[in-house]
PDB file of N, CA and C in Angstrom:
ATOM      1  N   MET A   1      -5.492 -22.652   4.176  1.00  0.00           N
ATOM      2  CA  MET A   1      -4.210 -22.006   3.935  1.00  0.00           C
ATOM      3  C   MET A   1      -3.610 -22.528   2.641  1.00  0.00           C
ATOM      4  N   ASP A   2      -4.157 -22.108   1.553  1.00  0.00           N
ATOM      5  CA  ASP A   2      -3.703 -22.598   0.267  1.00  0.00           C
ATOM      6  C   ASP A   2      -2.704 -21.676  -0.424  1.00  0.00           C
ATOM      7  N   ARG A   3      -2.474 -20.490   0.141  1.00  0.00           N
ATOM      8  CA  ARG A   3      -1.510 -19.566  -0.460  1.00  0.00           C
ATOM      9  C   ARG A   3      -0.304 -19.404   0.459  1.00  0.00           C
ATOM     10  N   PRO A   4       0.884 -19.184  -0.123  1.00  0.00           N
ATOM     11  CA  PRO A   4       2.082 -18.969   0.701  1.00  0.00           C
ATOM     12  C   PRO A   4       1.958 -17.680   1.526  1.00  0.00           C
ATOM     13  N   LEU A   5       2.671 -17.637   2.624  1.00  0.00           N
ATOM     14  CA  LEU A   5       2.625 -16.485   3.520  1.00  0.00           C
ATOM     15  C   LEU A   5       2.982 -15.193   2.800  1.00  0.00           C
ATOM     16  N   THR A   6       4.023 -15.190   1.991  1.00  0.00           N
ATOM     17  CA  THR A   6       4.437 -13.957   1.315  1.00  0.00           C
ATOM     18  C   THR A   6       3.330 -13.415   0.420  1.00  0.00           C
ATOM     19  N   GLU A   7       2.601 -14.304  -0.230  1.00  0.00           N
ATOM     20  CA  GLU A   7       1.497 -13.872  -1.089  1.00  0.00           C
ATOM     21  C   GLU A   7       0.363 -13.277  -0.253  1.00  0.00           C
ATOM     22  N   ARG A   8       0.096 -13.865   0.887  1.00  0.00           N
ATOM     23  CA  ARG A   8      -0.956 -13.362   1.769  1.00  0.00           C
ATOM     24  C   ARG A   8      -0.579 -12.008   2.353  1.00  0.00           C
ATOM     25  N   VAL A   9       0.682 -11.848   2.736  1.00  0.00           N
ATOM     26  CA  VAL A   9       1.155 -10.575   3.287  1.00  0.00           C
ATOM     27  C   VAL A   9       1.081  -9.486   2.221  1.00  0.00           C
ATOM     28  N   SER A  10       1.486  -9.798   1.008  1.00  0.00           N
ATOM     29  CA  SER A  10       1.417  -8.826  -0.083  1.00  0.00           C
ATOM     30  C   SER A  10      -0.025  -8.400  -0.344  1.00  0.00           C
ATOM     31  N   GLY A  11      -0.934  -9.342  -0.315  1.00  0.00           N
ATOM     32  CA  GLY A  11      -2.349  -9.024  -0.516  1.00  0.00           C
ATOM     33  C   GLY A  11      -2.876  -8.102   0.569  1.00  0.00           C
ATOM     34  N   TYR A  12      -2.475  -8.356   1.806  1.00  0.00           N
ATOM     35  CA  TYR A  12      -2.898  -7.508   2.917  1.00  0.00           C
ATOM     36  C   TYR A  12      -2.308  -6.103   2.773  1.00  0.00           C
ATOM     37  N   ALA A  13      -1.043  -6.022   2.389  1.00  0.00           N
ATOM     38  CA  ALA A  13      -0.396  -4.723   2.193  1.00  0.00           C
ATOM     39  C   ALA A  13      -1.104  -3.935   1.097  1.00  0.00           C
ATOM     40  N   ARG A  14      -1.482  -4.591   0.014  1.00  0.00           N
ATOM     41  CA  ARG A  14      -2.223  -3.919  -1.064  1.00  0.00           C
ATOM     42  C   ARG A  14      -3.525  -3.330  -0.537  1.00  0.00           C
ATOM     43  N   CYS A  15      -4.234  -4.094   0.267  1.00  0.00           N
ATOM     44  CA  CYS A  15      -5.496  -3.609   0.842  1.00  0.00           C
ATOM     45  C   CYS A  15      -5.265  -2.384   1.723  1.00  0.00           C
ATOM     46  N   LEU A  16      -4.223  -2.424   2.534  1.00  0.00           N
ATOM     47  CA  LEU A  16      -3.911  -1.289   3.401  1.00  0.00           C
ATOM     48  C   LEU A  16      -3.567  -0.047   2.589  1.00  0.00           C
ATOM     49  N   ILE A  17      -2.781  -0.223   1.537  1.00  0.00           N
ATOM     50  CA  ILE A  17      -2.388   0.907   0.695  1.00  0.00           C
ATOM     51  C   ILE A  17      -3.604   1.492  -0.010  1.00  0.00           C
ATOM     52  N   LYS A  18      -4.444   0.640  -0.574  1.00  0.00           N
ATOM     53  CA  LYS A  18      -5.656   1.123  -1.248  1.00  0.00           C
ATOM     54  C   LYS A  18      -6.548   1.885  -0.274  1.00  0.00           C
ATOM     55  N   SER A  19      -6.685   1.378   0.930  1.00  0.00           N
ATOM     56  CA  SER A  19      -7.500   2.041   1.944  1.00  0.00           C
ATOM     57  C   SER A  19      -6.922   3.408   2.311  1.00  0.00           C
ATOM     58  N   ALA A  20      -5.606   3.481   2.467  1.00  0.00           N
ATOM     59  CA  ALA A  20      -4.961   4.756   2.800  1.00  0.00           C
ATOM     60  C   ALA A  20      -5.138   5.762   1.671  1.00  0.00           C
ATOM     61  N   PHE A  21      -5.024   5.315   0.427  1.00  0.00           N
ATOM     62  CA  PHE A  21      -5.235   6.222  -0.701  1.00  0.00           C
ATOM     63  C   PHE A  21      -6.676   6.714  -0.740  1.00  0.00           C
ATOM     64  N   LYS A  22      -7.606   5.844  -0.439  1.00  0.00           N
ATOM     65  CA  LYS A  22      -9.020   6.231  -0.430  1.00  0.00           C
ATOM     66  C   LYS A  22      -9.274   7.289   0.643  1.00  0.00           C
ATOM     67  N   LYS A  23      -8.687   7.101   1.825  1.00  0.00           N
ATOM     68  CA  LYS A  23      -8.870   8.036   2.937  1.00  0.00           C
ATOM     69  C   LYS A  23      -8.232   9.391   2.668  1.00  0.00           C
ATOM     70  N   THR A  24      -7.159   9.401   1.876  1.00  0.00           N
ATOM     71  CA  THR A  24      -6.398  10.640   1.672  1.00  0.00           C
ATOM     72  C   THR A  24      -6.597  11.249   0.291  1.00  0.00           C
ATOM     73  N   GLY A  25      -7.553  10.743  -0.466  1.00  0.00           N
ATOM     74  CA  GLY A  25      -7.764  11.276  -1.813  1.00  0.00           C
ATOM     75  C   GLY A  25      -6.593  10.996  -2.727  1.00  0.00           C
ATOM     76  N   SER A  26      -5.957   9.867  -2.543  1.00  0.00           N
ATOM     77  CA  SER A  26      -4.802   9.423  -3.346  1.00  0.00           C
ATOM     78  C   SER A  26      -3.570  10.307  -3.191  1.00  0.00           C
ATOM     79  N   ASN A  27      -3.465  10.998  -2.062  1.00  0.00           N
ATOM     80  CA  ASN A  27      -2.287  11.812  -1.778  1.00  0.00           C
ATOM     81  C   ASN A  27      -1.202  10.905  -1.195  1.00  0.00           C
ATOM     82  N   ILE A  28      -0.116  10.738  -1.934  1.00  0.00           N
ATOM     83  CA  ILE A  28       0.929   9.793  -1.525  1.00  0.00           C
ATOM     84  C   ILE A  28       1.569  10.192  -0.197  1.00  0.00           C
ATOM     85  N   ALA A  29       1.885  11.461  -0.020  1.00  0.00           N
ATOM     86  CA  ALA A  29       2.544  11.900   1.216  1.00  0.00           C
ATOM     87  C   ALA A  29       1.649  11.668   2.429  1.00  0.00           C
ATOM     88  N   ARG A  30       0.369  12.003   2.309  1.00  0.00           N
ATOM     89  CA  ARG A  30      -0.547  11.803   3.439  1.00  0.00           C
ATOM     90  C   ARG A  30      -0.804  10.321   3.686  1.00  0.00           C
ATOM     91  N   ALA A  31      -0.929   9.542   2.611  1.00  0.00           N
ATOM     92  CA  ALA A  31      -1.137   8.097   2.761  1.00  0.00           C
ATOM     93  C   ALA A  31       0.069   7.464   3.451  1.00  0.00           C
ATOM     94  N   ALA A  32       1.263   7.902   3.090  1.00  0.00           N
ATOM     95  CA  ALA A  32       2.475   7.383   3.725  1.00  0.00           C
ATOM     96  C   ALA A  32       2.481   7.719   5.214  1.00  0.00           C
ATOM     97  N   ALA A  33       2.047   8.932   5.552  1.00  0.00           N
ATOM     98  CA  ALA A  33       1.984   9.324   6.958  1.00  0.00           C
ATOM     99  C   ALA A  33       0.970   8.469   7.717  1.00  0.00           C
ATOM    100  N   VAL A  34      -0.185   8.214   7.103  1.00  0.00           N
ATOM    101  CA  VAL A  34      -1.211   7.369   7.725  1.00  0.00           C
ATOM    102  C   VAL A  34      -0.665   5.971   7.986  1.00  0.00           C
ATOM    103  N   LEU A  35       0.083   5.444   7.024  1.00  0.00           N
ATOM    104  CA  LEU A  35       0.616   4.085   7.137  1.00  0.00           C
ATOM    105  C   LEU A  35       1.900   4.015   7.963  1.00  0.00           C
ATOM    106  N   GLY A  36       2.536   5.169   8.184  1.00  0.00           N
ATOM    107  CA  GLY A  36       3.781   5.191   8.949  1.00  0.00           C
ATOM    108  C   GLY A  36       4.968   4.642   8.183  1.00  0.00           C
ATOM    109  N   VAL A  37       4.984   4.894   6.871  1.00  0.00           N
ATOM    110  CA  VAL A  37       6.084   4.429   6.017  1.00  0.00           C
ATOM    111  C   VAL A  37       6.645   5.612   5.233  1.00  0.00           C
ATOM    112  N   PRO A  38       7.891   5.518   4.776  1.00  0.00           N
ATOM    113  CA  PRO A  38       8.447   6.583   3.950  1.00  0.00           C
ATOM    114  C   PRO A  38       7.666   6.730   2.633  1.00  0.00           C
ATOM    115  N   ARG A  39       7.483   7.962   2.206  1.00  0.00           N
ATOM    116  CA  ARG A  39       6.738   8.255   0.983  1.00  0.00           C
ATOM    117  C   ARG A  39       7.326   7.538  -0.217  1.00  0.00           C
ATOM    118  N   GLN A  40       8.650   7.498  -0.319  1.00  0.00           N
ATOM    119  CA  GLN A  40       9.293   6.848  -1.459  1.00  0.00           C
ATOM    120  C   GLN A  40       8.965   5.358  -1.511  1.00  0.00           C
ATOM    121  N   ASN A  41       8.961   4.710  -0.358  1.00  0.00           N
ATOM    122  CA  ASN A  41       8.638   3.274  -0.316  1.00  0.00           C
ATOM    123  C   ASN A  41       7.199   3.027  -0.746  1.00  0.00           C
ATOM    124  N   LEU A  42       6.287   3.860  -0.257  1.00  0.00           N
ATOM    125  CA  LEU A  42       4.882   3.710  -0.628  1.00  0.00           C
ATOM    126  C   LEU A  42       4.696   3.937  -2.120  1.00  0.00           C
ATOM    127  N   SER A  43       5.327   4.958  -2.643  1.00  0.00           N
ATOM    128  CA  SER A  43       5.222   5.252  -4.073  1.00  0.00           C
ATOM    129  C   SER A  43       5.736   4.088  -4.911  1.00  0.00           C
ATOM    130  N   ARG A  44       6.865   3.541  -4.524  1.00  0.00           N
ATOM    131  CA  ARG A  44       7.456   2.422  -5.271  1.00  0.00           C
ATOM    132  C   ARG A  44       6.534   1.198  -5.259  1.00  0.00           C
ATOM    133  N   LYS A  45       6.012   0.844  -4.087  1.00  0.00           N
ATOM    134  CA  LYS A  45       5.119  -0.317  -3.983  1.00  0.00           C
ATOM    135  C   LYS A  45       3.819  -0.083  -4.750  1.00  0.00           C
ATOM    136  N   ALA A  46       3.273   1.108  -4.649  1.00  0.00           N
ATOM    137  CA  ALA A  46       2.018   1.406  -5.345  1.00  0.00           C
ATOM    138  C   ALA A  46       2.203   1.304  -6.860  1.00  0.00           C
ATOM    139  N   LYS A  47       3.333   1.773  -7.355  1.00  0.00           N
ATOM    140  CA  LYS A  47       3.613   1.657  -8.793  1.00  0.00           C
ATOM    141  C   LYS A  47       3.866   0.204  -9.177  1.00  0.00           C
ATOM    142  N   GLU A  48       4.605  -0.508  -8.352  1.00  0.00           N
ATOM    143  CA  GLU A  48       4.916  -1.917  -8.612  1.00  0.00           C
ATOM    144  C   GLU A  48       3.640  -2.755  -8.703  1.00  0.00           C
ATOM    145  N   TRP A  49       2.666  -2.435  -7.854  1.00  0.00           N
ATOM    146  CA  TRP A  49       1.417  -3.198  -7.807  1.00  0.00           C
ATOM    147  C   TRP A  49       0.306  -2.545  -8.628  1.00  0.00           C
ATOM    148  N   ASP A  50       0.640  -1.543  -9.442  1.00  0.00           N
ATOM    149  CA  ASP A  50      -0.331  -0.845 -10.303  1.00  0.00           C
ATOM    150  C   ASP A  50      -1.514  -0.279  -9.521  1.00  0.00           C
ATOM    151  N   ILE A  51      -1.223   0.295  -8.368  1.00  0.00           N
ATOM    152  CA  ILE A  51      -2.268   0.926  -7.563  1.00  0.00           C
ATOM    153  C   ILE A  51      -2.418   2.387  -7.968  1.00  0.00           C
ATOM    154  N   ILE A  52      -1.299   3.004  -8.370  1.00  0.00           N
ATOM    155  CA  ILE A  52      -1.361   4.394  -8.847  1.00  0.00           C
ATOM    156  C   ILE A  52      -0.897   4.453 -10.280  1.00  0.00           C
TER     157      ILE A  52
END
């Protein structure tokens, strides 16, 4: 356990988002539905983390 919890959680969230985009062909609305989060929140995080 060499990384702080917040860093580990962020890394896991990135993996989940990337997986959802892969499953949905990078469709933000469908990926948000798969993840059960608002589309705006997913879009903001994906841009913040340079995923889209």
